[in-house]
Amino acid sequence: MASCLNCGHQADDRFCPRCGQKQTPHRVSIWLLLRELASETFELDGRVPRTLIPFLLRPGALTREYSAGRRARYSSPFRLFLGATLLWVVAGYVGKDNVSLFDERDKVALVETAPGPEGSGEDGEDGEDDGEDEDLDRLGARAELRDSVLLSGFADRLTRFNALSEQEKQRRFTTAALETLPRVALCLLPVFALLLKLLHLRRGFFYVEHLVFALHVHAFAFVILSLMLLVPALASPLALTLPLYLLLALRGAYQRRWWTTILRFLVLGVFYSALLLLVTIVVSLLTSILS
């Protein structure tokens, strides 16, 4: 009878009865290592279809099951969210040609047409800079010098951005927004859950339950955004599924009447969409200027 390589217990089955480790050879292949990694990361077992079907077709059902304590049969919300995020990363790489802003000719044209930094004279200015550095050192104003350099660099990039055509500005901003939106949504997950908590103060839900709902909804949003990136022709109809899914998920998870569900959907949609849009615009604008 073979011994378990993990705990040394006598084990004649596929799994050790003491520690539960699968009885595999001491030397494993790369393929086996990758399979174990995929299995531990994505839980490639019966939980996958049991999770995906309600996740896609019964909005809010997974959150309700989680709150009811029926969790072992489904993939965890964090792993589902992780899988959707990885799908977005893959879609961003595969579908990058669909949202690429500049090809090499665009970049060359941008470099050639962009104005250089102001005051590029050589004679005299180096001496002035040296004198200014010495004065700043004496005054202990190196922080101001650093800030001025940063502002000068930003002003230079802003000048180059303003030199672009309106079409190229729009394309650059759109590309930055597509790349920024999921990251901003990830950062705003706790805010989304907090808004849900405020909208259901008298229902007895814990904050973590709202966070689970937020993970499920954002995971679905990442899936849809990935499909929009891969199939731009279907972007408009796919975008319509996002508010519909949120409405149905609120109804399915919290089991409220339709009119109260719609009211909460509108309040949540207005506040969160405004915040998400504002942060995305600011970050995307800065990204498009600094890129």
Protein backbone atom coordinates (compact mmCIF):
# COMPACT_ATOMS: atom_id res chain seq x y z
CA MET A 1 0.00 0.00 0.00
CA ALA A 2 1.34 3.40 -0.97
CA SER A 3 1.93 6.17 1.50
CA CYS A 4 0.67 9.73 1.10
CA LEU A 5 3.50 11.98 0.03
CA ASN A 6 2.06 14.82 2.07
CA CYS A 7 1.37 13.28 5.51
CA GLY A 8 2.75 9.73 5.22
CA HIS A 9 -0.59 8.05 5.94
CA GLN A 10 -1.34 4.74 4.22
CA ALA A 11 -3.51 5.54 1.21
CA ASP A 12 -4.76 3.09 -1.40
CA ASP A 13 -7.26 5.44 -3.05
CA ARG A 14 -6.93 8.45 -5.31
CA PHE A 15 -7.11 10.79 -2.32
CA CYS A 16 -5.53 10.50 1.09
CA PRO A 17 -8.20 9.81 3.75
CA ARG A 18 -6.28 11.90 6.30
CA CYS A 19 -5.24 15.11 4.50
CA GLY A 20 -7.21 14.85 1.25
CA GLN A 21 -4.25 15.29 -1.09
CA LYS A 22 -4.60 13.64 -4.49
CA GLN A 23 -2.18 10.75 -4.95
CA THR A 24 -0.03 11.95 -7.83
CA PRO A 25 3.56 11.04 -8.76
CA HIS A 26 6.32 12.82 -6.88
CA ARG A 27 7.60 14.30 -10.14
CA VAL A 28 4.85 16.17 -11.91
CA SER A 29 4.76 17.36 -15.49
CA ILE A 30 4.30 20.95 -16.57
CA TRP A 31 0.88 20.01 -17.93
CA LEU A 32 -0.18 18.64 -14.54
CA LEU A 33 1.14 21.77 -12.84
CA LEU A 34 -0.86 23.99 -15.21
CA ARG A 35 -3.97 21.88 -14.68
CA GLU A 36 -3.64 22.22 -10.92
CA LEU A 37 -3.15 25.97 -11.27
CA ALA A 38 -6.22 26.30 -13.47
CA SER A 39 -8.25 24.07 -11.18
CA GLU A 40 -7.31 26.03 -8.07
CA THR A 41 -7.77 29.40 -9.77
CA PHE A 42 -11.01 28.82 -11.64
CA GLU A 43 -12.38 25.78 -9.81
CA LEU A 44 -12.83 23.80 -13.01
CA ASP A 45 -15.34 21.36 -11.58
CA GLY A 46 -19.10 21.07 -11.35
CA ARG A 47 -19.33 24.50 -9.77
CA VAL A 48 -18.51 26.25 -13.04
CA PRO A 49 -21.75 25.42 -14.91
CA ARG A 50 -23.73 25.76 -11.69
CA THR A 51 -22.29 29.26 -11.37
CA LEU A 52 -22.36 30.49 -14.96
CA ILE A 53 -25.97 29.57 -15.67
CA PRO A 54 -27.54 31.67 -12.88
CA PHE A 55 -24.83 34.30 -13.28
CA LEU A 56 -25.79 34.94 -16.90
CA LEU A 57 -29.47 33.99 -16.99
CA ARG A 58 -30.80 34.67 -13.48
CA PRO A 59 -29.49 38.06 -12.32
CA GLY A 60 -29.26 38.34 -8.56
CA ALA A 61 -29.70 34.62 -7.92
CA LEU A 62 -26.07 34.04 -6.96
CA THR A 63 -26.17 36.84 -4.40
CA ARG A 64 -29.37 35.44 -2.91
CA GLU A 65 -27.82 31.97 -2.72
CA TYR A 66 -24.73 33.39 -1.04
CA SER A 67 -26.81 35.23 1.55
CA ALA A 68 -28.78 32.02 2.22
CA GLY A 69 -25.55 30.17 3.00
CA ARG A 70 -25.56 27.94 -0.09
CA ARG A 71 -22.00 28.72 -1.16
CA ALA A 72 -20.07 25.46 -1.59
CA ARG A 73 -21.92 24.57 -4.79
CA TYR A 74 -20.91 27.83 -6.54
CA SER A 75 -17.65 29.55 -7.36
CA SER A 76 -16.85 32.31 -4.89
CA PRO A 77 -17.73 35.90 -5.87
CA PHE A 78 -14.07 36.91 -5.82
CA ARG A 79 -13.05 34.10 -8.17
CA LEU A 80 -15.92 34.93 -10.49
CA PHE A 81 -14.83 38.55 -10.47
CA LEU A 82 -11.22 37.51 -11.03
CA GLY A 83 -12.24 35.37 -14.00
CA ALA A 84 -14.20 38.25 -15.53
CA THR A 85 -11.25 40.58 -15.00
CA LEU A 86 -8.87 38.14 -16.68
CA LEU A 87 -11.34 37.86 -19.55
CA TRP A 88 -11.17 41.64 -19.91
CA VAL A 89 -7.37 41.53 -19.98
CA VAL A 90 -7.39 38.86 -22.67
CA ALA A 91 -10.04 40.73 -24.66
CA GLY A 92 -7.99 43.90 -24.40
CA TYR A 93 -4.99 42.09 -25.87
CA VAL A 94 -6.89 40.20 -28.58
CA GLY A 95 -9.11 43.13 -29.55
CA LYS A 96 -6.50 45.84 -29.28
CA ASP A 97 -6.62 46.42 -33.05
CA ASN A 98 -10.27 47.41 -32.71
CA VAL A 99 -9.45 50.30 -30.41
CA SER A 100 -5.89 51.14 -31.38
CA LEU A 101 -5.41 54.85 -31.68
CA PHE A 102 -2.28 55.39 -33.68
CA ASP A 103 -0.34 53.18 -35.99
CA GLU A 104 3.34 53.84 -36.49
CA ARG A 105 2.68 56.52 -39.11
CA ASP A 106 0.45 58.39 -36.69
CA LYS A 107 3.16 58.30 -34.05
CA VAL A 108 5.80 59.55 -36.48
CA ALA A 109 3.50 62.34 -37.63
CA LEU A 110 2.79 63.29 -34.04
CA VAL A 111 6.48 63.52 -33.19
CA GLU A 112 7.23 65.55 -36.28
CA THR A 113 4.37 68.02 -35.85
CA ALA A 114 4.47 68.41 -32.08
CA PRO A 115 5.95 71.73 -30.96
CA GLY A 116 9.11 71.50 -28.93
CA PRO A 117 9.49 72.85 -25.44
CA GLU A 118 9.54 76.57 -25.15
CA GLY A 119 12.82 78.34 -24.68
CA SER A 120 15.16 75.80 -26.25
CA GLY A 121 18.00 78.25 -26.66
CA GLU A 122 21.39 77.06 -25.59
CA ASP A 123 23.59 80.10 -25.09
CA GLY A 124 23.06 82.01 -21.93
CA GLU A 125 20.16 79.89 -20.72
CA ASP A 126 22.38 77.20 -19.23
CA GLY A 127 24.15 79.86 -17.26
CA GLU A 128 20.85 81.32 -16.14
CA ASP A 129 19.63 77.88 -15.10
CA ASP A 130 22.83 77.31 -13.13
CA GLY A 131 22.39 80.63 -11.42
CA GLU A 132 18.78 79.86 -10.65
CA ASP A 133 19.75 76.45 -9.27
CA GLU A 134 22.27 78.07 -6.96
CA ASP A 135 19.71 80.59 -5.77
CA LEU A 136 17.16 77.85 -5.20
CA ASP A 137 19.69 75.78 -3.29
CA ARG A 138 20.45 78.72 -1.05
CA LEU A 139 16.78 79.34 -0.44
CA GLY A 140 16.04 75.64 0.12
CA ALA A 141 13.47 75.67 -2.68
CA ARG A 142 14.22 72.41 -4.42
CA ALA A 143 10.64 71.29 -3.93
CA GLU A 144 9.44 74.30 -5.90
CA LEU A 145 11.93 73.47 -8.63
CA ARG A 146 10.68 69.91 -8.80
CA ASP A 147 7.07 71.08 -9.01
CA SER A 148 7.95 73.56 -11.74
CA VAL A 149 9.64 70.81 -13.75
CA LEU A 150 6.58 68.58 -13.41
CA LEU A 151 4.26 71.40 -14.40
CA SER A 152 6.51 72.24 -17.33
CA GLY A 153 6.40 68.62 -18.50
CA PHE A 154 2.63 68.52 -18.19
CA ALA A 155 2.30 71.83 -20.04
CA ASP A 156 4.49 70.47 -22.82
CA ARG A 157 2.36 67.35 -23.16
CA LEU A 158 -0.80 69.44 -23.06
CA THR A 159 0.58 71.59 -25.87
CA ARG A 160 1.28 68.51 -27.94
CA PHE A 161 -2.19 67.15 -27.23
CA ASN A 162 -3.80 70.43 -28.31
CA ALA A 163 -1.82 70.26 -31.56
CA LEU A 164 -3.64 67.07 -32.54
CA SER A 165 -6.67 67.14 -34.79
CA GLU A 166 -10.08 66.89 -33.17
CA GLN A 167 -10.56 63.42 -34.63
CA GLU A 168 -7.32 62.16 -33.13
CA LYS A 169 -8.14 63.75 -29.79
CA GLN A 170 -11.46 61.94 -29.76
CA ARG A 171 -9.86 58.66 -30.73
CA ARG A 172 -7.20 58.97 -28.05
CA PHE A 173 -9.75 59.84 -25.39
CA THR A 174 -12.01 56.94 -26.42
CA THR A 175 -9.14 54.50 -26.23
CA ALA A 176 -8.12 55.79 -22.80
CA ALA A 177 -11.72 55.58 -21.57
CA LEU A 178 -12.09 51.96 -22.68
CA GLU A 179 -8.91 51.05 -20.85
CA THR A 180 -9.69 53.13 -17.77
CA LEU A 181 -13.34 52.27 -17.15
CA PRO A 182 -12.84 48.76 -15.69
CA ARG A 183 -10.03 49.99 -13.44
CA VAL A 184 -12.15 52.84 -12.15
CA ALA A 185 -15.08 50.47 -11.62
CA LEU A 186 -12.81 48.18 -9.61
CA CYS A 187 -11.73 51.06 -7.38
CA LEU A 188 -15.35 52.15 -6.90
CA LEU A 189 -16.62 48.71 -5.88
CA PRO A 190 -16.72 49.63 -2.17
CA VAL A 191 -18.58 52.83 -3.01
CA PHE A 192 -21.15 50.86 -5.02
CA ALA A 193 -21.66 48.53 -2.05
CA LEU A 194 -21.98 51.49 0.31
CA LEU A 195 -24.71 53.02 -1.86
CA LEU A 196 -26.55 49.69 -1.75
CA LYS A 197 -26.21 49.66 2.03
CA LEU A 198 -27.73 53.13 2.27
CA LEU A 199 -30.59 52.11 0.00
CA HIS A 200 -31.40 49.05 2.15
CA LEU A 201 -30.82 50.34 5.68
CA ARG A 202 -33.91 48.69 7.12
CA ARG A 203 -33.55 45.33 5.41
CA GLY A 204 -30.95 43.85 7.75
CA PHE A 205 -28.33 43.13 5.10
CA PHE A 206 -24.67 43.24 6.05
CA TYR A 207 -22.25 45.35 4.06
CA VAL A 208 -20.43 42.24 2.82
CA GLU A 209 -23.64 41.01 1.19
CA HIS A 210 -23.88 44.24 -0.78
CA LEU A 211 -20.22 43.82 -1.69
CA VAL A 212 -20.97 40.32 -3.01
CA PHE A 213 -23.77 41.78 -5.11
CA ALA A 214 -21.37 44.44 -6.39
CA LEU A 215 -18.84 41.75 -7.34
CA HIS A 216 -21.45 39.81 -9.29
CA VAL A 217 -22.78 42.86 -11.12
CA HIS A 218 -19.33 44.18 -11.97
CA ALA A 219 -18.22 40.74 -13.12
CA PHE A 220 -21.11 40.70 -15.58
CA ALA A 221 -20.20 44.23 -16.68
CA PHE A 222 -16.63 43.10 -17.37
CA VAL A 223 -17.92 40.21 -19.47
CA ILE A 224 -20.09 42.56 -21.53
CA LEU A 225 -17.29 45.11 -21.89
CA SER A 226 -15.02 42.31 -23.11
CA LEU A 227 -17.56 41.30 -25.75
CA MET A 228 -17.95 44.93 -26.78
CA LEU A 229 -14.20 45.14 -27.23
CA LEU A 230 -14.03 41.93 -29.23
CA VAL A 231 -17.12 42.62 -31.36
CA PRO A 232 -17.46 46.40 -31.80
CA ALA A 233 -20.37 45.96 -34.20
CA LEU A 234 -22.49 44.67 -31.29
CA ALA A 235 -21.37 47.33 -28.83
CA SER A 236 -24.68 49.22 -28.77
CA PRO A 237 -27.02 46.26 -28.12
CA LEU A 238 -24.57 44.79 -25.63
CA ALA A 239 -24.41 48.09 -23.74
CA LEU A 240 -28.18 47.96 -23.27
CA THR A 241 -27.85 44.73 -21.30
CA LEU A 242 -25.92 46.48 -18.51
CA PRO A 243 -28.76 48.57 -17.01
CA LEU A 244 -31.26 45.77 -17.67
CA TYR A 245 -29.08 43.28 -15.82
CA LEU A 246 -28.66 45.65 -12.87
CA LEU A 247 -32.42 46.16 -12.59
CA LEU A 248 -33.15 42.43 -12.73
CA ALA A 249 -30.30 41.69 -10.32
CA LEU A 250 -31.68 44.16 -7.77
CA ARG A 251 -35.05 42.51 -8.05
CA GLY A 252 -33.62 38.99 -7.86
CA ALA A 253 -31.20 39.60 -4.99
CA TYR A 254 -33.27 41.80 -2.68
CA GLN A 255 -36.76 40.50 -3.53
CA ARG A 256 -38.44 43.89 -3.27
CA ARG A 257 -41.56 45.05 -5.06
CA TRP A 258 -41.07 46.23 -8.58
CA TRP A 259 -41.82 49.89 -7.89
CA THR A 260 -39.37 50.05 -4.97
CA THR A 261 -36.80 48.13 -7.02
CA ILE A 262 -37.15 50.58 -9.90
CA LEU A 263 -36.86 53.53 -7.51
CA ARG A 264 -33.65 52.15 -5.99
CA PHE A 265 -32.37 51.30 -9.45
CA LEU A 266 -32.84 54.90 -10.56
CA VAL A 267 -31.19 56.37 -7.46
CA LEU A 268 -28.30 53.93 -7.62
CA GLY A 269 -27.94 54.37 -11.36
CA VAL A 270 -27.88 58.17 -11.23
CA PHE A 271 -25.42 58.52 -8.36
CA TYR A 272 -23.06 55.71 -9.30
CA SER A 273 -23.14 56.43 -13.03
CA ALA A 274 -22.40 60.10 -12.39
CA LEU A 275 -19.49 59.23 -10.11
CA LEU A 276 -18.18 56.56 -12.47
CA LEU A 277 -18.49 58.89 -15.45
CA LEU A 278 -16.81 61.80 -13.68
CA VAL A 279 -13.83 59.78 -12.45
CA THR A 280 -13.48 58.00 -15.79
CA ILE A 281 -13.50 61.28 -17.73
CA VAL A 282 -10.89 62.88 -15.47
CA VAL A 283 -8.59 59.86 -15.49
CA SER A 284 -9.06 59.26 -19.22
CA LEU A 285 -8.37 62.90 -20.04
CA LEU A 286 -5.17 62.88 -18.00
CA THR A 287 -4.16 59.56 -19.54
CA SER A 288 -4.79 60.76 -23.09
CA ILE A 289 -2.73 63.90 -22.45
CA LEU A 290 0.17 62.19 -20.71
CA SER A 291 0.37 59.17 -23.00
